[in-house]
Amino acid sequence: MPLVLHVLILHEGNCWVAQALEVEIAAQGRSPEVARKAFLQALSAQMRMDRAHGRRPLQGIPPAPDEYWDVFFKRGRNLEQMIVEGVEGNDVSPAYMIQAIAEEGALASS
């Protein structure tokens, strides 16, 4: 079964943040595209590290705090699904990332 992650892309201050909801993994960048790429690199690195330590990829990583889920369901925009390619860990590949882009300050005003 493929890994499905919901990822919220938020404009916070002068950067963009990509925050996964099912696991608390996040990254940031100067644009949504850069934040998305940084997130995929962080996800891949975490999965490689887990495998190197004999764990299932993403095992034991808690979900994001509730306020991120609230933003995703209440204020998320432009819901789309994209295939995440190049992620290490063939027992959970292919992975899918469901992305929602929220307006600036969405987390603070939720």
Protein backbone atom coordinates (compact mmCIF):
# COMPACT_ATOMS: atom_id res chain seq x y z
CA MET A 1 0.00 0.00 0.00
CA PRO A 2 1.42 3.41 -0.92
CA LEU A 3 2.30 6.00 1.66
CA VAL A 4 -0.09 8.97 1.57
CA LEU A 5 0.90 12.22 3.22
CA HIS A 6 -1.12 15.41 3.49
CA VAL A 7 1.24 18.37 3.27
CA LEU A 8 0.24 21.93 4.05
CA ILE A 9 2.15 24.69 2.26
CA LEU A 10 1.97 27.89 4.32
CA HIS A 11 3.29 31.37 3.67
CA GLU A 12 4.68 32.43 7.04
CA GLY A 13 6.50 35.75 7.27
CA ASN A 14 9.08 35.91 4.47
CA CYS A 15 9.22 32.18 3.72
CA TRP A 16 7.06 29.22 2.76
CA VAL A 17 6.73 26.18 5.01
CA ALA A 18 5.78 22.66 3.90
CA GLN A 19 4.40 20.73 6.89
CA ALA A 20 3.32 17.08 6.69
CA LEU A 21 0.30 16.21 8.80
CA GLU A 22 0.58 12.45 9.35
CA VAL A 23 4.19 12.82 10.47
CA GLU A 24 5.80 15.90 11.94
CA ILE A 25 8.25 16.61 9.16
CA ALA A 26 8.57 20.10 7.75
CA ALA A 27 10.83 22.22 5.57
CA GLN A 28 10.91 25.78 4.35
CA GLY A 29 11.94 27.78 1.31
CA ARG A 30 11.65 31.15 -0.37
CA SER A 31 8.80 29.94 -2.62
CA PRO A 32 6.23 27.13 -2.52
CA GLU A 33 8.33 25.17 -5.04
CA VAL A 34 11.52 25.51 -2.98
CA ALA A 35 9.66 24.53 0.21
CA ARG A 36 8.18 21.49 -1.59
CA LYS A 37 11.62 20.38 -2.82
CA ALA A 38 13.15 20.91 0.63
CA PHE A 39 10.32 18.88 2.15
CA LEU A 40 10.95 15.99 -0.24
CA GLN A 41 14.65 16.08 0.64
CA ALA A 42 13.85 16.05 4.38
CA LEU A 43 11.38 13.20 3.91
CA SER A 44 13.89 11.17 1.92
CA ALA A 45 16.66 11.83 4.47
CA GLN A 46 14.40 10.75 7.35
CA MET A 47 13.44 7.55 5.55
CA ARG A 48 17.10 6.74 4.79
CA MET A 49 18.06 7.35 8.41
CA ASP A 50 15.22 5.17 9.67
CA ARG A 51 16.26 2.31 7.40
CA ALA A 52 19.92 2.69 8.42
CA HIS A 53 18.85 2.25 12.05
CA GLY A 54 16.71 -0.82 11.30
CA ARG A 55 13.36 0.96 11.59
CA ARG A 56 10.48 1.09 9.17
CA PRO A 57 10.49 4.45 7.39
CA LEU A 58 8.73 7.14 9.43
CA GLN A 59 8.09 4.73 12.31
CA GLY A 60 7.55 6.52 15.60
CA ILE A 61 7.30 10.04 14.21
CA PRO A 62 4.25 11.71 15.75
CA PRO A 63 1.67 13.57 13.67
CA ALA A 64 1.74 17.34 13.30
CA PRO A 65 -0.03 19.38 15.99
CA ASP A 66 -3.81 19.75 15.65
CA GLU A 67 -3.61 23.38 14.54
CA TYR A 68 -2.02 22.29 11.24
CA TRP A 69 -4.82 19.79 10.62
CA ASP A 70 -7.35 22.53 11.39
CA VAL A 71 -5.76 24.85 8.83
CA PHE A 72 -5.65 22.06 6.26
CA PHE A 73 -9.35 21.23 6.56
CA LYS A 74 -10.73 24.71 7.24
CA ARG A 75 -8.55 26.99 5.14
CA GLY A 76 -6.59 24.93 2.63
CA ARG A 77 -6.84 25.96 -1.01
CA ASN A 78 -5.95 24.40 -4.38
CA LEU A 79 -6.08 20.80 -3.23
CA GLU A 80 -4.08 18.63 -5.58
CA GLN A 81 -2.35 15.29 -5.55
CA MET A 82 1.12 14.73 -6.87
CA ILE A 83 3.40 11.72 -7.01
CA VAL A 84 6.46 12.05 -4.83
CA GLU A 85 9.36 10.58 -6.78
CA GLY A 86 12.84 9.71 -5.64
CA VAL A 87 11.90 8.90 -2.06
CA GLU A 88 14.08 6.22 -0.52
CA GLY A 89 12.49 3.18 1.08
CA ASN A 90 10.98 0.83 -1.46
CA ASP A 91 8.58 -0.75 1.03
CA VAL A 92 6.62 2.50 1.15
CA SER A 93 7.06 3.62 -2.46
CA PRO A 94 5.48 5.03 -4.46
CA ALA A 95 4.42 7.78 -2.12
CA TYR A 96 1.82 10.42 -2.72
CA MET A 97 1.73 13.91 -1.32
CA ILE A 98 -1.55 15.77 -1.14
CA GLN A 99 -0.86 19.45 -1.07
CA ALA A 100 -2.94 22.40 0.02
CA ILE A 101 -1.70 25.95 -0.20
CA ALA A 102 -3.06 28.26 2.48
CA GLU A 103 -3.03 32.02 2.48
CA GLU A 104 -0.44 33.94 4.48
CA GLY A 105 -0.95 33.80 8.22
CA ALA A 106 -3.47 30.96 8.01
CA LEU A 107 -1.98 29.18 10.99
CA ALA A 108 -2.07 32.27 13.20
CA SER A 109 -5.66 33.08 12.30
CA SER A 110 -7.15 29.58 12.48
